[in-house]
């Protein structure tokens, strides 16, 4: 059994070392329909599964799946788990899902690849229905992303 475990760990480590791994930092603009626009920073990581599909995590939008779309764009589908009572009140964020599209405007580099991307996501949190909820049930998120990858 120890041989199987060691072999599994070795195969996973080798596959991750040769996988397309990317890291990013984003400036997120939300509440764009309000008088005061919310501005946040988020960080994340992305693992390429194949030439048209990636999986990743963003500190604002949670787990994301990326799919190649026409004209060089990217379809993004995300999920963020609920926190605390998950009712949308302060500190108790409801589970949310997101769907969006992204476009990479510039990319370059050979060893450490760099990119500049813009994403627009529609975020849905249908559980944020408490009377004292501070989380919106439907919102948008525009992000400008600087990415680094291998």
N, C-alpha and C. Protein backbone atom coordinates (compact mmCIF):
# COMPACT_ATOMS: atom_id res chain seq x y z
N UNK A 1 0.83 -1.20 0.00
CA UNK A 1 0.00 0.00 0.00
C UNK A 1 0.86 1.25 0.00
N UNK A 2 2.02 1.19 0.67
CA UNK A 2 2.90 2.33 0.74
C UNK A 2 3.45 2.67 -0.65
N UNK A 3 3.70 1.64 -1.46
CA UNK A 3 4.20 1.87 -2.81
C UNK A 3 3.15 2.59 -3.65
N UNK A 4 1.90 2.19 -3.52
CA UNK A 4 0.81 2.84 -4.27
C UNK A 4 0.68 4.30 -3.86
N UNK A 5 0.76 4.56 -2.56
CA UNK A 5 0.66 5.94 -2.07
C UNK A 5 1.82 6.78 -2.60
N UNK A 6 3.03 6.26 -2.51
CA UNK A 6 4.20 7.00 -3.00
C UNK A 6 4.12 7.24 -4.51
N UNK A 7 3.68 6.24 -5.24
CA UNK A 7 3.54 6.38 -6.68
C UNK A 7 2.48 7.43 -7.03
N UNK A 8 1.37 7.43 -6.32
CA UNK A 8 0.30 8.40 -6.55
C UNK A 8 0.78 9.82 -6.28
N UNK A 9 1.47 10.01 -5.17
CA UNK A 9 1.99 11.34 -4.82
C UNK A 9 3.01 11.80 -5.86
N UNK A 10 3.87 10.91 -6.31
CA UNK A 10 4.88 11.25 -7.31
C UNK A 10 4.23 11.64 -8.64
N UNK A 11 3.26 10.87 -9.08
CA UNK A 11 2.58 11.17 -10.35
C UNK A 11 1.86 12.52 -10.26
N UNK A 12 1.18 12.79 -9.15
CA UNK A 12 0.50 14.08 -8.99
C UNK A 12 1.49 15.23 -8.97
N UNK A 13 2.60 15.07 -8.26
CA UNK A 13 3.61 16.13 -8.19
C UNK A 13 4.20 16.42 -9.57
N UNK A 14 4.47 15.37 -10.33
CA UNK A 14 5.02 15.56 -11.67
C UNK A 14 4.00 16.22 -12.59
N UNK A 15 2.74 15.81 -12.50
CA UNK A 15 1.72 16.40 -13.37
C UNK A 15 1.52 17.88 -13.06
N UNK A 16 1.57 18.26 -11.77
CA UNK A 16 1.43 19.68 -11.43
C UNK A 16 2.65 20.48 -11.85
N UNK A 17 3.83 19.88 -11.80
CA UNK A 17 5.03 20.62 -12.16
C UNK A 17 5.08 20.94 -13.65
N UNK A 18 4.42 20.14 -14.48
CA UNK A 18 4.40 20.40 -15.91
C UNK A 18 3.08 21.01 -16.38
N UNK A 19 2.16 21.20 -15.50
CA UNK A 19 0.86 21.78 -15.86
C UNK A 19 1.00 23.28 -16.06
N UNK A 20 0.06 23.86 -16.79
CA UNK A 20 0.04 25.30 -16.97
C UNK A 20 -0.55 25.94 -15.72
N UNK A 21 0.31 26.54 -14.91
CA UNK A 21 -0.14 27.17 -13.67
C UNK A 21 -0.02 28.68 -13.83
N UNK A 22 -1.06 29.39 -13.43
CA UNK A 22 -1.04 30.84 -13.51
C UNK A 22 -1.48 31.48 -12.21
N UNK A 23 -0.91 32.62 -11.90
CA UNK A 23 -1.28 33.39 -10.70
C UNK A 23 -1.75 34.75 -11.17
N UNK A 24 -2.70 35.34 -10.46
CA UNK A 24 -3.18 36.65 -10.88
C UNK A 24 -3.52 37.55 -9.70
N UNK A 25 -3.53 38.83 -10.00
CA UNK A 25 -3.99 39.86 -9.07
C UNK A 25 -4.97 40.73 -9.84
N UNK A 26 -6.13 41.00 -9.25
CA UNK A 26 -7.17 41.73 -9.96
C UNK A 26 -7.68 42.90 -9.14
N UNK A 27 -8.09 43.94 -9.83
CA UNK A 27 -8.83 45.04 -9.24
C UNK A 27 -10.27 44.86 -9.67
N UNK A 28 -11.17 44.71 -8.68
CA UNK A 28 -12.58 44.41 -8.93
C UNK A 28 -13.44 45.64 -8.66
N UNK A 29 -14.31 45.93 -9.60
CA UNK A 29 -15.26 47.03 -9.47
C UNK A 29 -16.66 46.43 -9.36
N UNK A 30 -17.35 46.71 -8.26
CA UNK A 30 -18.70 46.18 -8.05
C UNK A 30 -19.64 47.32 -7.66
N UNK A 31 -20.92 47.02 -7.55
CA UNK A 31 -21.95 48.02 -7.24
C UNK A 31 -21.88 49.20 -8.21
N UNK A 32 -21.72 48.89 -9.48
CA UNK A 32 -21.56 49.95 -10.48
C UNK A 32 -22.85 50.72 -10.74
N UNK A 33 -23.97 50.22 -10.25
CA UNK A 33 -25.23 50.94 -10.41
C UNK A 33 -25.54 51.84 -9.21
N UNK A 34 -24.65 51.89 -8.24
CA UNK A 34 -24.83 52.71 -7.04
C UNK A 34 -24.07 54.03 -7.18
N UNK A 35 -24.30 54.94 -6.26
CA UNK A 35 -23.59 56.22 -6.27
C UNK A 35 -22.11 56.03 -5.95
N UNK A 36 -21.81 55.07 -5.08
CA UNK A 36 -20.43 54.78 -4.71
C UNK A 36 -20.06 53.39 -5.25
N UNK A 37 -19.07 53.34 -6.12
CA UNK A 37 -18.64 52.07 -6.70
C UNK A 37 -17.69 51.38 -5.73
N UNK A 38 -17.90 50.07 -5.52
CA UNK A 38 -17.02 49.30 -4.65
C UNK A 38 -15.78 48.87 -5.41
N UNK A 39 -14.61 49.04 -4.79
CA UNK A 39 -13.35 48.64 -5.40
C UNK A 39 -12.63 47.72 -4.43
N UNK A 40 -12.29 46.51 -4.90
CA UNK A 40 -11.59 45.52 -4.08
C UNK A 40 -10.43 44.94 -4.88
N UNK A 41 -9.51 44.32 -4.17
CA UNK A 41 -8.41 43.59 -4.79
C UNK A 41 -8.61 42.12 -4.52
N UNK A 42 -8.33 41.29 -5.51
CA UNK A 42 -8.40 39.85 -5.30
C UNK A 42 -7.17 39.19 -5.91
N UNK A 43 -6.89 37.99 -5.43
CA UNK A 43 -5.75 37.21 -5.88
C UNK A 43 -6.25 35.82 -6.23
N UNK A 44 -5.50 35.11 -7.07
CA UNK A 44 -5.94 33.77 -7.40
C UNK A 44 -4.91 32.95 -8.12
N UNK A 45 -5.30 31.71 -8.38
CA UNK A 45 -4.45 30.75 -9.09
C UNK A 45 -5.31 29.99 -10.08
N UNK A 46 -4.71 29.59 -11.20
CA UNK A 46 -5.42 28.85 -12.24
C UNK A 46 -4.56 27.69 -12.72
N UNK A 47 -5.19 26.54 -12.91
CA UNK A 47 -4.52 25.35 -13.44
C UNK A 47 -5.15 24.99 -14.77
N UNK A 48 -4.35 24.89 -15.82
CA UNK A 48 -4.86 24.49 -17.14
C UNK A 48 -5.11 23.00 -17.15
N UNK A 49 -6.31 22.60 -17.55
CA UNK A 49 -6.63 21.18 -17.67
C UNK A 49 -6.32 20.69 -19.08
N UNK A 50 -6.59 21.52 -20.08
CA UNK A 50 -6.23 21.24 -21.47
C UNK A 50 -6.18 22.58 -22.19
N UNK A 51 -6.12 22.57 -23.50
CA UNK A 51 -5.95 23.83 -24.24
C UNK A 51 -7.15 24.76 -24.16
N UNK A 52 -8.32 24.25 -23.79
CA UNK A 52 -9.51 25.10 -23.75
C UNK A 52 -10.23 25.17 -22.43
N UNK A 53 -9.70 24.49 -21.39
CA UNK A 53 -10.39 24.43 -20.10
C UNK A 53 -9.39 24.63 -18.97
N UNK A 54 -9.77 25.44 -17.98
CA UNK A 54 -8.94 25.65 -16.79
C UNK A 54 -9.83 25.68 -15.56
N UNK A 55 -9.25 25.39 -14.43
CA UNK A 55 -9.94 25.49 -13.15
C UNK A 55 -9.08 26.37 -12.24
N UNK A 56 -9.73 27.17 -11.40
CA UNK A 56 -8.96 28.06 -10.56
C UNK A 56 -9.75 28.56 -9.37
N UNK A 57 -9.10 29.44 -8.61
CA UNK A 57 -9.72 30.03 -7.43
C UNK A 57 -9.38 31.51 -7.42
N UNK A 58 -10.38 32.34 -7.15
CA UNK A 58 -10.21 33.77 -7.00
C UNK A 58 -10.74 34.15 -5.62
N UNK A 59 -10.01 35.00 -4.89
CA UNK A 59 -10.41 35.32 -3.52
C UNK A 59 -11.72 36.10 -3.45
N UNK A 60 -12.19 36.68 -4.53
CA UNK A 60 -13.49 37.38 -4.52
C UNK A 60 -14.61 36.51 -5.07
N UNK A 61 -14.36 35.78 -6.15
CA UNK A 61 -15.41 35.01 -6.82
C UNK A 61 -15.40 33.53 -6.49
N UNK A 62 -14.44 33.05 -5.74
CA UNK A 62 -14.40 31.64 -5.36
C UNK A 62 -13.84 30.75 -6.45
N UNK A 63 -14.32 29.50 -6.47
CA UNK A 63 -13.86 28.54 -7.47
C UNK A 63 -14.40 28.91 -8.85
N UNK A 64 -13.53 28.89 -9.85
CA UNK A 64 -13.92 29.26 -11.21
C UNK A 64 -13.50 28.19 -12.21
N UNK A 65 -14.35 27.98 -13.18
CA UNK A 65 -14.02 27.15 -14.35
C UNK A 65 -13.95 28.10 -15.54
N UNK A 66 -12.94 27.91 -16.37
CA UNK A 66 -12.74 28.75 -17.55
C UNK A 66 -12.84 27.87 -18.79
N UNK A 67 -13.57 28.34 -19.79
CA UNK A 67 -13.73 27.60 -21.04
C UNK A 67 -13.44 28.53 -22.21
N UNK A 68 -12.72 28.02 -23.21
CA UNK A 68 -12.44 28.82 -24.41
C UNK A 68 -13.75 29.13 -25.12
N UNK A 69 -13.89 30.37 -25.56
CA UNK A 69 -15.09 30.83 -26.26
C UNK A 69 -14.66 31.47 -27.59
N UNK A 70 -15.59 31.77 -28.47
CA UNK A 70 -15.23 32.36 -29.76
C UNK A 70 -14.51 33.70 -29.63
N UNK A 71 -13.76 34.04 -30.65
CA UNK A 71 -13.06 35.33 -30.78
C UNK A 71 -12.03 35.55 -29.68
N UNK A 72 -11.46 34.48 -29.14
CA UNK A 72 -10.42 34.61 -28.13
C UNK A 72 -10.91 34.96 -26.74
N UNK A 73 -12.19 34.95 -26.52
CA UNK A 73 -12.73 35.26 -25.20
C UNK A 73 -12.80 33.99 -24.34
N UNK A 74 -13.12 34.16 -23.08
CA UNK A 74 -13.18 33.06 -22.13
C UNK A 74 -14.51 33.10 -21.39
N UNK A 75 -15.22 31.98 -21.35
CA UNK A 75 -16.44 31.85 -20.56
C UNK A 75 -16.04 31.45 -19.16
N UNK A 76 -16.58 32.12 -18.14
CA UNK A 76 -16.22 31.89 -16.75
C UNK A 76 -17.47 31.50 -15.95
N UNK A 77 -17.36 30.42 -15.19
CA UNK A 77 -18.45 29.97 -14.33
C UNK A 77 -17.86 29.79 -12.94
N UNK A 78 -18.49 30.42 -11.92
CA UNK A 78 -17.92 30.39 -10.58
C UNK A 78 -18.89 30.00 -9.50
N UNK A 79 -18.34 29.64 -8.35
CA UNK A 79 -19.13 29.26 -7.18
C UNK A 79 -18.37 29.66 -5.92
N UNK A 80 -19.09 30.31 -4.99
CA UNK A 80 -18.53 30.70 -3.70
C UNK A 80 -19.42 30.13 -2.61
N UNK A 81 -18.85 29.39 -1.64
CA UNK A 81 -19.68 28.80 -0.58
C UNK A 81 -20.20 29.87 0.38
N UNK A 82 -21.27 29.54 1.08
CA UNK A 82 -21.83 30.43 2.08
C UNK A 82 -20.92 30.53 3.30
N UNK A 83 -21.06 31.62 4.05
CA UNK A 83 -20.28 31.85 5.27
C UNK A 83 -21.25 32.07 6.42
N UNK A 84 -21.00 31.44 7.55
CA UNK A 84 -21.85 31.61 8.73
C UNK A 84 -23.27 31.16 8.47
N UNK A 85 -24.24 32.01 8.79
CA UNK A 85 -25.66 31.68 8.60
C UNK A 85 -26.07 31.71 7.13
N UNK A 86 -25.20 32.22 6.26
CA UNK A 86 -25.42 32.27 4.81
C UNK A 86 -26.75 32.92 4.43
N UNK A 87 -27.10 34.02 5.13
CA UNK A 87 -28.37 34.70 4.83
C UNK A 87 -28.17 36.09 4.22
N UNK A 88 -26.93 36.45 3.93
CA UNK A 88 -26.66 37.73 3.28
C UNK A 88 -26.45 38.89 4.22
N UNK A 89 -26.56 38.67 5.53
CA UNK A 89 -26.31 39.75 6.48
C UNK A 89 -24.80 39.92 6.65
N UNK A 90 -24.40 41.00 7.32
CA UNK A 90 -22.99 41.30 7.50
C UNK A 90 -22.25 40.11 8.11
N UNK A 91 -21.21 39.65 7.44
CA UNK A 91 -20.41 38.53 7.92
C UNK A 91 -21.02 37.16 7.68
N UNK A 92 -22.21 37.08 7.14
CA UNK A 92 -22.91 35.82 6.87
C UNK A 92 -23.31 35.76 5.39
N UNK A 93 -22.31 35.67 4.53
CA UNK A 93 -22.57 35.75 3.10
C UNK A 93 -23.24 34.50 2.56
N UNK A 94 -24.22 34.69 1.71
CA UNK A 94 -24.95 33.58 1.09
C UNK A 94 -24.10 32.94 0.00
N UNK A 95 -24.38 31.69 -0.28
CA UNK A 95 -23.72 31.00 -1.39
C UNK A 95 -24.02 31.75 -2.68
N UNK A 96 -23.01 31.94 -3.51
CA UNK A 96 -23.23 32.66 -4.76
C UNK A 96 -22.64 31.90 -5.94
N UNK A 97 -23.23 32.10 -7.08
CA UNK A 97 -22.71 31.57 -8.33
C UNK A 97 -22.49 32.74 -9.27
N UNK A 98 -21.57 32.57 -10.19
CA UNK A 98 -21.31 33.65 -11.13
C UNK A 98 -21.12 33.09 -12.53
N UNK A 99 -21.43 33.92 -13.50
CA UNK A 99 -21.21 33.58 -14.90
C UNK A 99 -20.72 34.84 -15.58
N UNK A 100 -19.68 34.69 -16.37
CA UNK A 100 -19.13 35.87 -17.00
C UNK A 100 -18.31 35.55 -18.23
N UNK A 101 -17.71 36.61 -18.74
CA UNK A 101 -16.87 36.48 -19.92
C UNK A 101 -15.62 37.31 -19.70
N UNK A 102 -14.51 36.83 -20.22
CA UNK A 102 -13.25 37.54 -20.08
C UNK A 102 -12.53 37.63 -21.41
N UNK A 103 -11.64 38.60 -21.52
CA UNK A 103 -10.86 38.75 -22.74
C UNK A 103 -9.45 39.18 -22.37
N UNK A 104 -8.46 38.49 -22.88
CA UNK A 104 -7.06 38.83 -22.64
C UNK A 104 -6.61 39.79 -23.74
N UNK A 105 -6.29 41.01 -23.34
CA UNK A 105 -5.91 42.06 -24.29
C UNK A 105 -4.46 41.96 -24.69
N UNK A 106 -3.62 41.50 -23.79
CA UNK A 106 -2.18 41.44 -24.08
C UNK A 106 -1.58 40.28 -23.32
N UNK A 107 -0.67 39.59 -23.95
CA UNK A 107 0.11 38.55 -23.27
C UNK A 107 1.48 38.50 -23.92
N UNK A 108 2.47 38.16 -23.12
CA UNK A 108 3.84 38.11 -23.63
C UNK A 108 4.75 37.39 -22.67
N UNK A 109 5.97 37.17 -23.12
CA UNK A 109 6.97 36.51 -22.30
C UNK A 109 7.16 35.06 -22.70
N UNK A 110 8.36 34.55 -22.44
CA UNK A 110 8.65 33.16 -22.77
C UNK A 110 8.67 32.28 -21.53
N UNK A 111 9.49 32.62 -20.55
CA UNK A 111 9.57 31.81 -19.33
C UNK A 111 8.43 32.11 -18.38
N UNK A 112 8.35 33.35 -17.95
CA UNK A 112 7.27 33.80 -17.08
C UNK A 112 6.30 34.60 -17.95
N UNK A 113 5.21 33.97 -18.32
CA UNK A 113 4.24 34.61 -19.21
C UNK A 113 3.41 35.63 -18.43
N UNK A 114 3.21 36.79 -19.01
CA UNK A 114 2.45 37.87 -18.37
C UNK A 114 1.24 38.19 -19.24
N UNK A 115 0.13 38.56 -18.60
CA UNK A 115 -1.07 38.89 -19.37
C UNK A 115 -1.86 40.00 -18.70
N UNK A 116 -2.64 40.70 -19.51
CA UNK A 116 -3.55 41.74 -19.04
C UNK A 116 -4.94 41.38 -19.55
N UNK A 117 -5.89 41.19 -18.63
CA UNK A 117 -7.21 40.67 -18.96
C UNK A 117 -8.30 41.53 -18.33
N UNK A 118 -9.44 41.60 -18.98
CA UNK A 118 -10.64 42.23 -18.42
C UNK A 118 -11.74 41.19 -18.36
N UNK A 119 -12.44 41.10 -17.22
CA UNK A 119 -13.52 40.14 -17.02
C UNK A 119 -14.78 40.87 -16.56
N UNK A 120 -15.93 40.38 -16.99
CA UNK A 120 -17.20 40.89 -16.51
C UNK A 120 -18.03 39.70 -16.05
N UNK A 121 -18.43 39.69 -14.78
CA UNK A 121 -19.18 38.57 -14.20
C UNK A 121 -20.50 39.05 -13.61
N UNK A 122 -21.53 38.24 -13.80
CA UNK A 122 -22.83 38.46 -13.18
C UNK A 122 -22.90 37.50 -12.00
N UNK A 123 -23.04 38.03 -10.78
CA UNK A 123 -23.00 37.23 -9.55
C UNK A 123 -24.41 37.12 -8.99
N UNK A 124 -24.83 35.88 -8.72
CA UNK A 124 -26.18 35.63 -8.19
C UNK A 124 -26.07 34.99 -6.82
N UNK A 125 -26.69 35.58 -5.81
CA UNK A 125 -26.73 35.04 -4.45
C UNK A 125 -28.19 34.99 -4.00
N UNK A 126 -28.95 34.02 -4.50
CA UNK A 126 -30.39 34.00 -4.21
C UNK A 126 -30.73 33.80 -2.74
N UNK A 127 -29.79 33.34 -1.93
CA UNK A 127 -30.07 33.13 -0.51
C UNK A 127 -29.97 34.39 0.32
N UNK A 128 -29.55 35.51 -0.27
CA UNK A 128 -29.38 36.76 0.47
C UNK A 128 -30.71 37.51 0.54
N UNK A 129 -31.69 36.89 1.18
CA UNK A 129 -33.04 37.48 1.22
C UNK A 129 -33.45 37.95 2.61
N UNK A 130 -32.56 37.86 3.59
CA UNK A 130 -32.87 38.32 4.94
C UNK A 130 -33.20 39.81 4.90
N UNK A 131 -34.11 40.25 5.75
CA UNK A 131 -34.52 41.66 5.77
C UNK A 131 -33.35 42.59 6.05
N UNK A 132 -32.36 42.12 6.82
CA UNK A 132 -31.20 42.93 7.15
C UNK A 132 -30.01 42.64 6.25
N UNK A 133 -30.23 42.00 5.10
CA UNK A 133 -29.14 41.59 4.21
C UNK A 133 -28.37 42.78 3.68
N UNK A 134 -27.05 42.65 3.70
CA UNK A 134 -26.18 43.66 3.09
C UNK A 134 -25.63 43.16 1.76
N UNK A 135 -25.74 41.87 1.51
CA UNK A 135 -25.29 41.28 0.25
C UNK A 135 -26.43 41.34 -0.77
N UNK A 136 -26.12 41.79 -1.98
CA UNK A 136 -27.14 41.88 -3.02
C UNK A 136 -27.45 40.49 -3.58
N UNK A 137 -28.71 40.26 -3.95
CA UNK A 137 -29.07 38.97 -4.54
C UNK A 137 -28.54 38.85 -5.96
N UNK A 138 -28.41 39.94 -6.66
CA UNK A 138 -27.83 39.96 -8.01
C UNK A 138 -26.90 41.16 -8.11
N UNK A 139 -25.69 40.94 -8.58
CA UNK A 139 -24.74 42.04 -8.73
C UNK A 139 -23.81 41.75 -9.90
N UNK A 140 -23.01 42.73 -10.25
CA UNK A 140 -22.03 42.57 -11.32
C UNK A 140 -20.64 42.85 -10.77
N UNK A 141 -19.65 42.29 -11.44
CA UNK A 141 -18.26 42.47 -11.05
C UNK A 141 -17.43 42.65 -12.31
N UNK A 142 -16.77 43.79 -12.43
CA UNK A 142 -15.85 44.06 -13.53
C UNK A 142 -14.45 44.00 -12.95
N UNK A 143 -13.57 43.21 -13.55
CA UNK A 143 -12.21 43.11 -13.01
C UNK A 143 -11.17 43.32 -14.10
N UNK A 144 -10.10 43.99 -13.70
CA UNK A 144 -8.92 44.18 -14.54
C UNK A 144 -7.82 43.35 -13.89
N UNK A 145 -7.25 42.41 -14.65
CA UNK A 145 -6.40 41.38 -14.08
C UNK A 145 -5.00 41.42 -14.70
N UNK A 146 -3.99 41.34 -13.84
CA UNK A 146 -2.61 41.12 -14.28
C UNK A 146 -2.27 39.69 -13.90
N UNK A 147 -1.89 38.89 -14.88
CA UNK A 147 -1.62 37.48 -14.63
C UNK A 147 -0.18 37.12 -14.94
N UNK A 148 0.32 36.12 -14.21
CA UNK A 148 1.66 35.57 -14.42
C UNK A 148 1.53 34.06 -14.47
N UNK A 149 2.13 33.44 -15.45
CA UNK A 149 1.99 31.99 -15.57
C UNK A 149 3.22 31.32 -16.10
N UNK A 150 3.19 30.01 -16.07
CA UNK A 150 4.31 29.18 -16.55
C UNK A 150 3.85 28.33 -17.71
